Amino acid sequence: MADSTLQAKGNAIYVDTTQDWQTTPALGKLLTFSSGVPAINASTTVPAVAVVLDARTRTAVGTTTYLNSLGILGEMPGPMRGLIDLASVPLFFGDRVMQAASGALTKEVTGSPRVVVGIVTDENGAQPGDLTEITFLTPCYLTY
């Protein structure tokens, strides 16, 4: 916490210790929260609120602990890594990405309800299955 009477944080990173995101590969996947517990977002129309930045599992003296870093969408100061869905078409710099039902990202398609969550800012673009640089936005629900 910052030295402030408001207790303002200097970043929008949430530390999660409840889930094993390393065994269930979740790096770069989108999340929602239910009663404060994160879950992989399996919806293309319910806006995600975070992305898995780092996932660590540690076992010592028979006790397993988790330390995961989650970035809040639209609140991070710069690009983060996002996972491109295996069913996506190749992406190029500047393409807008939307949520896929797998918790990953896919190229925006018009003509159907969707939640746009970011822009590809990797100069080399991305292929399906890549973990690539995305500038995340506050999720935007589009219906046109």
N, C-alpha and C. Protein backbone atom coordinates (compact mmCIF):
# COMPACT_ATOMS: atom_id res chain seq x y z
N MET A 1 0.83 -1.18 0.00
CA MET A 1 0.00 0.00 0.00
C MET A 1 0.88 1.25 0.00
N ALA A 2 0.38 2.26 -0.64
CA ALA A 2 1.10 3.52 -0.66
C ALA A 2 0.92 4.24 0.67
N ASP A 3 1.80 5.21 0.94
CA ASP A 3 1.67 6.00 2.16
C ASP A 3 0.59 7.05 1.94
N SER A 4 -0.64 6.65 2.02
CA SER A 4 -1.77 7.53 1.77
C SER A 4 -2.88 7.18 2.73
N THR A 5 -3.61 8.18 3.15
CA THR A 5 -4.76 7.91 4.02
C THR A 5 -5.85 7.18 3.25
N LEU A 6 -5.79 7.25 1.93
CA LEU A 6 -6.77 6.55 1.09
C LEU A 6 -6.36 5.11 0.83
N GLN A 7 -5.14 4.75 1.20
CA GLN A 7 -4.60 3.41 0.98
C GLN A 7 -4.61 3.04 -0.50
N ALA A 8 -4.27 3.98 -1.37
CA ALA A 8 -4.25 3.74 -2.81
C ALA A 8 -3.06 2.88 -3.18
N LYS A 9 -3.29 1.90 -4.05
CA LYS A 9 -2.21 1.04 -4.54
C LYS A 9 -1.57 1.69 -5.75
N GLY A 10 -0.32 1.36 -5.99
CA GLY A 10 0.40 1.90 -7.12
C GLY A 10 0.22 1.11 -8.39
N ASN A 11 -0.53 -0.01 -8.33
CA ASN A 11 -0.77 -0.81 -9.53
C ASN A 11 -2.10 -1.53 -9.39
N ALA A 12 -2.48 -2.22 -10.44
CA ALA A 12 -3.75 -2.95 -10.44
C ALA A 12 -3.49 -4.45 -10.51
N ILE A 13 -2.53 -4.91 -9.73
CA ILE A 13 -2.21 -6.33 -9.68
C ILE A 13 -2.81 -6.92 -8.41
N TYR A 14 -3.58 -7.97 -8.59
CA TYR A 14 -4.23 -8.66 -7.49
C TYR A 14 -3.47 -9.97 -7.27
N VAL A 15 -3.12 -10.28 -6.04
CA VAL A 15 -2.43 -11.52 -5.73
C VAL A 15 -3.46 -12.55 -5.28
N ASP A 16 -3.48 -13.68 -5.96
CA ASP A 16 -4.42 -14.75 -5.65
C ASP A 16 -3.65 -15.93 -5.09
N THR A 17 -4.13 -16.46 -3.96
CA THR A 17 -3.48 -17.62 -3.35
C THR A 17 -4.44 -18.80 -3.24
N THR A 18 -5.58 -18.74 -3.95
CA THR A 18 -6.62 -19.77 -3.80
C THR A 18 -6.60 -20.84 -4.89
N GLN A 19 -5.99 -20.54 -6.04
CA GLN A 19 -6.11 -21.43 -7.20
C GLN A 19 -4.76 -21.96 -7.65
N ASP A 20 -4.78 -23.15 -8.26
CA ASP A 20 -3.59 -23.73 -8.87
C ASP A 20 -3.62 -23.42 -10.37
N TRP A 21 -3.17 -22.23 -10.73
CA TRP A 21 -3.20 -21.82 -12.14
C TRP A 21 -2.00 -22.35 -12.91
N GLN A 22 -1.03 -22.96 -12.20
CA GLN A 22 0.13 -23.51 -12.89
C GLN A 22 -0.18 -24.90 -13.45
N THR A 23 -0.84 -25.76 -12.66
CA THR A 23 -1.21 -27.09 -13.12
C THR A 23 -2.29 -27.01 -14.19
N THR A 24 -3.26 -26.12 -13.99
CA THR A 24 -4.26 -25.83 -15.00
C THR A 24 -3.69 -24.66 -15.79
N PRO A 25 -3.05 -24.90 -16.92
CA PRO A 25 -2.36 -23.79 -17.60
C PRO A 25 -3.30 -22.62 -17.86
N ALA A 26 -3.00 -21.51 -17.21
CA ALA A 26 -3.88 -20.36 -17.31
C ALA A 26 -3.15 -19.07 -17.65
N LEU A 27 -1.85 -19.13 -17.84
CA LEU A 27 -1.09 -17.93 -18.13
C LEU A 27 -1.66 -17.22 -19.36
N GLY A 28 -2.02 -15.96 -19.20
CA GLY A 28 -2.57 -15.17 -20.31
C GLY A 28 -4.06 -15.35 -20.52
N LYS A 29 -4.73 -16.15 -19.69
CA LYS A 29 -6.18 -16.35 -19.84
C LYS A 29 -6.96 -15.31 -19.04
N LEU A 30 -8.19 -15.07 -19.48
CA LEU A 30 -9.07 -14.10 -18.85
C LEU A 30 -9.84 -14.73 -17.69
N LEU A 31 -10.15 -13.90 -16.70
CA LEU A 31 -10.82 -14.37 -15.50
C LEU A 31 -12.05 -13.53 -15.16
N THR A 32 -12.97 -14.15 -14.44
CA THR A 32 -14.07 -13.45 -13.78
C THR A 32 -13.94 -13.80 -12.30
N PHE A 33 -14.70 -13.13 -11.47
CA PHE A 33 -14.70 -13.42 -10.04
C PHE A 33 -16.11 -13.74 -9.59
N SER A 34 -16.23 -14.71 -8.70
CA SER A 34 -17.51 -15.06 -8.08
C SER A 34 -17.27 -15.11 -6.58
N SER A 35 -17.92 -14.25 -5.85
CA SER A 35 -17.73 -14.15 -4.40
C SER A 35 -16.25 -13.99 -4.04
N GLY A 36 -15.53 -13.24 -4.87
CA GLY A 36 -14.12 -12.98 -4.61
C GLY A 36 -13.15 -14.04 -5.06
N VAL A 37 -13.66 -15.14 -5.63
CA VAL A 37 -12.80 -16.23 -6.08
C VAL A 37 -12.68 -16.18 -7.61
N PRO A 38 -11.44 -16.14 -8.13
CA PRO A 38 -11.27 -16.07 -9.59
C PRO A 38 -11.56 -17.41 -10.28
N ALA A 39 -12.08 -17.30 -11.50
CA ALA A 39 -12.33 -18.48 -12.33
C ALA A 39 -12.07 -18.10 -13.78
N ILE A 40 -11.62 -19.06 -14.58
CA ILE A 40 -11.41 -18.79 -16.01
C ILE A 40 -12.74 -18.41 -16.63
N ASN A 41 -12.72 -17.33 -17.39
CA ASN A 41 -13.94 -16.82 -18.01
C ASN A 41 -14.29 -17.68 -19.22
N ALA A 42 -15.37 -18.43 -19.11
CA ALA A 42 -15.79 -19.34 -20.18
C ALA A 42 -16.93 -18.75 -21.00
N SER A 43 -17.04 -17.44 -21.01
CA SER A 43 -18.14 -16.78 -21.74
C SER A 43 -17.57 -15.80 -22.75
N THR A 44 -18.23 -15.71 -23.88
CA THR A 44 -17.82 -14.72 -24.88
C THR A 44 -18.56 -13.40 -24.68
N THR A 45 -19.57 -13.39 -23.83
CA THR A 45 -20.37 -12.17 -23.65
C THR A 45 -20.39 -11.62 -22.23
N VAL A 46 -19.91 -12.37 -21.25
CA VAL A 46 -19.79 -11.84 -19.88
C VAL A 46 -18.40 -11.24 -19.75
N PRO A 47 -18.30 -9.93 -19.50
CA PRO A 47 -16.98 -9.29 -19.47
C PRO A 47 -16.04 -9.87 -18.42
N ALA A 48 -14.83 -10.16 -18.84
CA ALA A 48 -13.77 -10.59 -17.92
C ALA A 48 -13.31 -9.38 -17.12
N VAL A 49 -12.64 -9.64 -15.99
CA VAL A 49 -12.14 -8.53 -15.18
C VAL A 49 -10.63 -8.58 -14.98
N ALA A 50 -10.00 -9.71 -15.29
CA ALA A 50 -8.57 -9.84 -15.03
C ALA A 50 -7.93 -10.82 -16.00
N VAL A 51 -6.60 -10.83 -16.01
CA VAL A 51 -5.82 -11.76 -16.82
C VAL A 51 -4.73 -12.35 -15.92
N VAL A 52 -4.41 -13.63 -16.12
CA VAL A 52 -3.37 -14.28 -15.32
C VAL A 52 -2.00 -13.85 -15.85
N LEU A 53 -1.23 -13.16 -15.01
CA LEU A 53 0.10 -12.67 -15.40
C LEU A 53 1.20 -13.65 -15.03
N ASP A 54 1.03 -14.32 -13.90
CA ASP A 54 2.04 -15.24 -13.40
C ASP A 54 1.35 -16.27 -12.53
N ALA A 55 1.82 -17.52 -12.58
CA ALA A 55 1.22 -18.60 -11.79
C ALA A 55 2.33 -19.45 -11.19
N ARG A 56 2.33 -19.55 -9.87
CA ARG A 56 3.37 -20.32 -9.19
C ARG A 56 2.76 -21.24 -8.14
N THR A 57 3.30 -22.45 -8.08
CA THR A 57 2.90 -23.43 -7.07
C THR A 57 4.16 -23.83 -6.32
N ARG A 58 4.05 -23.89 -5.00
CA ARG A 58 5.21 -24.26 -4.19
C ARG A 58 4.78 -25.29 -3.16
N THR A 59 5.56 -26.37 -3.04
CA THR A 59 5.30 -27.38 -2.02
C THR A 59 6.53 -27.47 -1.11
N ALA A 60 6.30 -27.27 0.17
CA ALA A 60 7.38 -27.35 1.15
C ALA A 60 6.83 -28.00 2.42
N VAL A 61 7.52 -28.98 2.92
CA VAL A 61 7.15 -29.70 4.14
C VAL A 61 5.70 -30.20 4.04
N GLY A 62 5.36 -30.74 2.88
CA GLY A 62 4.05 -31.33 2.68
C GLY A 62 2.91 -30.35 2.51
N THR A 63 3.20 -29.05 2.44
CA THR A 63 2.17 -28.04 2.28
C THR A 63 2.33 -27.37 0.92
N THR A 64 1.25 -27.32 0.15
CA THR A 64 1.28 -26.68 -1.15
C THR A 64 0.63 -25.30 -1.05
N THR A 65 1.31 -24.30 -1.58
CA THR A 65 0.78 -22.95 -1.60
C THR A 65 0.82 -22.42 -3.03
N TYR A 66 -0.02 -21.43 -3.29
CA TYR A 66 -0.12 -20.83 -4.63
C TYR A 66 0.15 -19.34 -4.53
N LEU A 67 0.83 -18.80 -5.52
CA LEU A 67 1.07 -17.37 -5.60
C LEU A 67 0.89 -16.96 -7.05
N ASN A 68 -0.25 -16.36 -7.34
CA ASN A 68 -0.60 -15.98 -8.70
C ASN A 68 -0.77 -14.47 -8.78
N SER A 69 -0.30 -13.89 -9.87
CA SER A 69 -0.48 -12.46 -10.11
C SER A 69 -1.52 -12.28 -11.20
N LEU A 70 -2.54 -11.49 -10.89
CA LEU A 70 -3.64 -11.23 -11.81
C LEU A 70 -3.69 -9.73 -12.10
N GLY A 71 -3.71 -9.37 -13.37
CA GLY A 71 -3.79 -7.96 -13.76
C GLY A 71 -5.24 -7.58 -14.04
N ILE A 72 -5.70 -6.49 -13.46
CA ILE A 72 -7.07 -6.03 -13.66
C ILE A 72 -7.16 -5.34 -15.02
N LEU A 73 -8.09 -5.78 -15.87
CA LEU A 73 -8.22 -5.26 -17.23
C LEU A 73 -8.58 -3.77 -17.21
N GLY A 74 -7.93 -3.03 -18.10
CA GLY A 74 -8.20 -1.61 -18.24
C GLY A 74 -7.52 -0.74 -17.19
N GLU A 75 -6.80 -1.34 -16.26
CA GLU A 75 -6.19 -0.57 -15.18
C GLU A 75 -4.67 -0.71 -15.11
N MET A 76 -4.09 -1.51 -15.98
CA MET A 76 -2.64 -1.68 -15.97
C MET A 76 -1.98 -0.56 -16.78
N PRO A 77 -0.79 -0.12 -16.38
CA PRO A 77 -0.16 1.01 -17.05
C PRO A 77 0.42 0.70 -18.43
N GLY A 78 0.49 -0.57 -18.80
CA GLY A 78 1.07 -0.91 -20.09
C GLY A 78 0.58 -2.26 -20.57
N PRO A 79 1.13 -2.75 -21.69
CA PRO A 79 0.72 -4.04 -22.24
C PRO A 79 1.03 -5.21 -21.31
N MET A 80 0.25 -6.28 -21.47
CA MET A 80 0.47 -7.53 -20.75
C MET A 80 0.41 -8.65 -21.76
N ARG A 81 0.75 -9.86 -21.33
CA ARG A 81 0.68 -11.01 -22.24
C ARG A 81 -0.71 -11.64 -22.18
N GLY A 82 -1.24 -11.94 -23.35
CA GLY A 82 -2.53 -12.62 -23.46
C GLY A 82 -2.36 -13.86 -24.32
N LEU A 83 -3.13 -14.90 -24.01
CA LEU A 83 -3.06 -16.15 -24.76
C LEU A 83 -4.04 -16.12 -25.92
N ILE A 84 -3.55 -16.40 -27.12
CA ILE A 84 -4.40 -16.43 -28.31
C ILE A 84 -5.00 -17.82 -28.44
N ASP A 85 -6.31 -17.86 -28.61
CA ASP A 85 -7.05 -19.12 -28.73
C ASP A 85 -6.57 -19.93 -29.92
N LEU A 86 -6.55 -21.25 -29.77
CA LEU A 86 -6.10 -22.14 -30.85
C LEU A 86 -7.00 -22.06 -32.08
N ALA A 87 -8.26 -21.66 -31.90
CA ALA A 87 -9.19 -21.57 -33.03
C ALA A 87 -9.17 -20.19 -33.70
N SER A 88 -8.36 -19.28 -33.20
CA SER A 88 -8.28 -17.93 -33.77
C SER A 88 -7.56 -17.92 -35.10
N VAL A 89 -7.85 -16.90 -35.89
CA VAL A 89 -7.06 -16.67 -37.10
C VAL A 89 -5.79 -15.93 -36.67
N PRO A 90 -4.76 -15.90 -37.51
CA PRO A 90 -3.56 -15.13 -37.16
C PRO A 90 -3.93 -13.65 -36.91
N LEU A 91 -3.20 -13.03 -36.00
CA LEU A 91 -3.46 -11.64 -35.64
C LEU A 91 -2.29 -10.76 -36.05
N PHE A 92 -2.60 -9.49 -36.32
CA PHE A 92 -1.60 -8.52 -36.71
C PHE A 92 -1.61 -7.34 -35.75
N PHE A 93 -0.51 -6.58 -35.71
CA PHE A 93 -0.44 -5.40 -34.88
C PHE A 93 -1.66 -4.52 -35.13
N GLY A 94 -2.33 -4.10 -34.07
CA GLY A 94 -3.49 -3.22 -34.20
C GLY A 94 -4.83 -3.93 -34.24
N ASP A 95 -4.84 -5.27 -34.42
CA ASP A 95 -6.11 -6.00 -34.41
C ASP A 95 -6.74 -5.93 -33.02
N ARG A 96 -8.06 -5.77 -32.99
CA ARG A 96 -8.77 -5.82 -31.72
C ARG A 96 -9.06 -7.28 -31.40
N VAL A 97 -8.98 -7.63 -30.11
CA VAL A 97 -9.25 -9.00 -29.69
C VAL A 97 -10.44 -9.03 -28.76
N MET A 98 -11.14 -10.16 -28.82
CA MET A 98 -12.32 -10.35 -27.98
C MET A 98 -12.15 -11.65 -27.20
N GLN A 99 -13.02 -11.84 -26.24
CA GLN A 99 -12.99 -13.04 -25.42
C GLN A 99 -13.40 -14.26 -26.24
N ALA A 100 -12.71 -15.38 -26.01
CA ALA A 100 -13.11 -16.67 -26.57
C ALA A 100 -13.67 -17.51 -25.42
N ALA A 101 -14.44 -18.52 -25.73
CA ALA A 101 -15.08 -19.35 -24.70
C ALA A 101 -14.07 -20.16 -23.89
N SER A 102 -12.82 -20.22 -24.34
CA SER A 102 -11.77 -20.97 -23.63
C SER A 102 -11.09 -20.15 -22.55
N GLY A 103 -11.42 -18.86 -22.47
CA GLY A 103 -10.72 -17.96 -21.56
C GLY A 103 -9.56 -17.26 -22.25
N ALA A 104 -9.26 -17.68 -23.48
CA ALA A 104 -8.19 -17.06 -24.26
C ALA A 104 -8.78 -15.92 -25.10
N LEU A 105 -8.01 -15.45 -26.07
CA LEU A 105 -8.42 -14.32 -26.92
C LEU A 105 -8.51 -14.76 -28.36
N THR A 106 -9.36 -14.07 -29.11
CA THR A 106 -9.50 -14.35 -30.53
C THR A 106 -9.73 -13.03 -31.26
N LYS A 107 -9.51 -13.02 -32.57
CA LYS A 107 -9.71 -11.80 -33.35
C LYS A 107 -11.18 -11.41 -33.32
N GLU A 108 -11.40 -10.11 -33.20
CA GLU A 108 -12.77 -9.60 -33.18
C GLU A 108 -13.45 -9.90 -34.52
N VAL A 109 -14.68 -10.36 -34.42
CA VAL A 109 -15.51 -10.54 -35.61
C VAL A 109 -16.75 -9.68 -35.43
N THR A 110 -17.15 -8.99 -36.48
CA THR A 110 -18.32 -8.13 -36.38
C THR A 110 -19.58 -8.93 -36.68
N GLY A 111 -20.70 -8.37 -36.30
CA GLY A 111 -21.97 -9.00 -36.62
C GLY A 111 -22.55 -9.87 -35.54
N SER A 112 -21.87 -9.99 -34.40
CA SER A 112 -22.41 -10.79 -33.31
C SER A 112 -22.06 -10.12 -31.99
N PRO A 113 -22.84 -10.37 -30.93
CA PRO A 113 -22.49 -9.80 -29.63
C PRO A 113 -21.12 -10.32 -29.20
N ARG A 114 -20.30 -9.43 -28.67
CA ARG A 114 -18.96 -9.82 -28.27
C ARG A 114 -18.42 -8.83 -27.25
N VAL A 115 -17.37 -9.23 -26.56
CA VAL A 115 -16.72 -8.36 -25.59
C VAL A 115 -15.29 -8.14 -26.05
N VAL A 116 -15.00 -6.92 -26.52
CA VAL A 116 -13.65 -6.55 -26.95
C VAL A 116 -12.86 -6.19 -25.70
N VAL A 117 -11.67 -6.79 -25.55
CA VAL A 117 -10.88 -6.59 -24.34
C VAL A 117 -9.49 -6.01 -24.58
N GLY A 118 -9.07 -5.89 -25.85
CA GLY A 118 -7.72 -5.37 -26.06
C GLY A 118 -7.34 -5.21 -27.51
N ILE A 119 -6.10 -4.76 -27.68
CA ILE A 119 -5.52 -4.53 -29.00
C ILE A 119 -4.16 -5.23 -29.03
N VAL A 120 -3.87 -5.92 -30.13
CA VAL A 120 -2.56 -6.56 -30.29
C VAL A 120 -1.52 -5.47 -30.47
N THR A 121 -0.53 -5.43 -29.58
CA THR A 121 0.53 -4.44 -29.69
C THR A 121 1.91 -5.09 -29.88
N ASP A 122 1.91 -6.38 -30.19
CA ASP A 122 3.16 -7.05 -30.56
C ASP A 122 3.41 -6.73 -32.03
N GLU A 123 4.55 -6.13 -32.33
CA GLU A 123 4.83 -5.72 -33.71
C GLU A 123 4.84 -6.89 -34.69
N ASN A 124 5.08 -8.09 -34.19
CA ASN A 124 5.10 -9.28 -35.05
C ASN A 124 3.75 -9.96 -35.15
N GLY A 125 2.73 -9.41 -34.50
CA GLY A 125 1.42 -10.05 -34.52
C GLY A 125 1.45 -11.31 -33.66
N ALA A 126 0.53 -12.24 -33.95
CA ALA A 126 0.46 -13.47 -33.15
C ALA A 126 -0.23 -14.57 -33.94
N GLN A 127 0.17 -15.79 -33.64
CA GLN A 127 -0.43 -16.98 -34.22
C GLN A 127 -1.29 -17.65 -33.14
N PRO A 128 -2.24 -18.51 -33.55
CA PRO A 128 -3.02 -19.25 -32.57
C PRO A 128 -2.11 -20.01 -31.60
N GLY A 129 -2.42 -19.93 -30.31
CA GLY A 129 -1.63 -20.60 -29.28
C GLY A 129 -0.50 -19.76 -28.71
N ASP A 130 -0.23 -18.60 -29.33
CA ASP A 130 0.84 -17.72 -28.84
C ASP A 130 0.44 -16.99 -27.57
N LEU A 131 1.43 -16.71 -26.75
CA LEU A 131 1.29 -15.80 -25.62
C LEU A 131 1.91 -14.51 -26.11
N THR A 132 1.10 -13.48 -26.34
CA THR A 132 1.58 -12.29 -27.03
C THR A 132 1.22 -11.01 -26.30
N GLU A 133 1.85 -9.93 -26.70
CA GLU A 133 1.63 -8.63 -26.07
C GLU A 133 0.28 -8.04 -26.49
N ILE A 134 -0.53 -7.75 -25.49
CA ILE A 134 -1.85 -7.16 -25.69
C ILE A 134 -1.96 -5.93 -24.81
N THR A 135 -2.46 -4.84 -25.36
CA THR A 135 -2.81 -3.69 -24.53
C THR A 135 -4.28 -3.87 -24.19
N PHE A 136 -4.54 -4.22 -22.94
CA PHE A 136 -5.91 -4.51 -22.51
C PHE A 136 -6.67 -3.23 -22.24
N LEU A 137 -7.95 -3.27 -22.61
CA LEU A 137 -8.88 -2.16 -22.39
C LEU A 137 -9.86 -2.56 -21.30
N THR A 138 -10.60 -1.59 -20.82
CA THR A 138 -11.74 -1.94 -19.99
C THR A 138 -12.68 -2.67 -20.94
N PRO A 139 -13.15 -3.90 -20.61
CA PRO A 139 -13.99 -4.65 -21.54
C PRO A 139 -15.16 -3.84 -22.08
N CYS A 140 -15.38 -3.96 -23.38
CA CYS A 140 -16.41 -3.18 -24.07
C CYS A 140 -17.34 -4.16 -24.79
N TYR A 141 -18.61 -4.16 -24.42
CA TYR A 141 -19.60 -5.06 -25.02
C TYR A 141 -20.16 -4.41 -26.29
N LEU A 142 -19.99 -5.08 -27.43
CA LEU A 142 -20.45 -4.54 -28.71
C LEU A 142 -21.50 -5.46 -29.33
N THR A 143 -22.50 -4.86 -29.96
CA THR A 143 -23.55 -5.66 -30.60
C THR A 143 -23.75 -5.31 -32.06
N TYR A 144 -23.00 -4.41 -32.63
CA TYR A 144 -23.20 -4.06 -34.03
C TYR A 144 -22.49 -4.99 -34.96
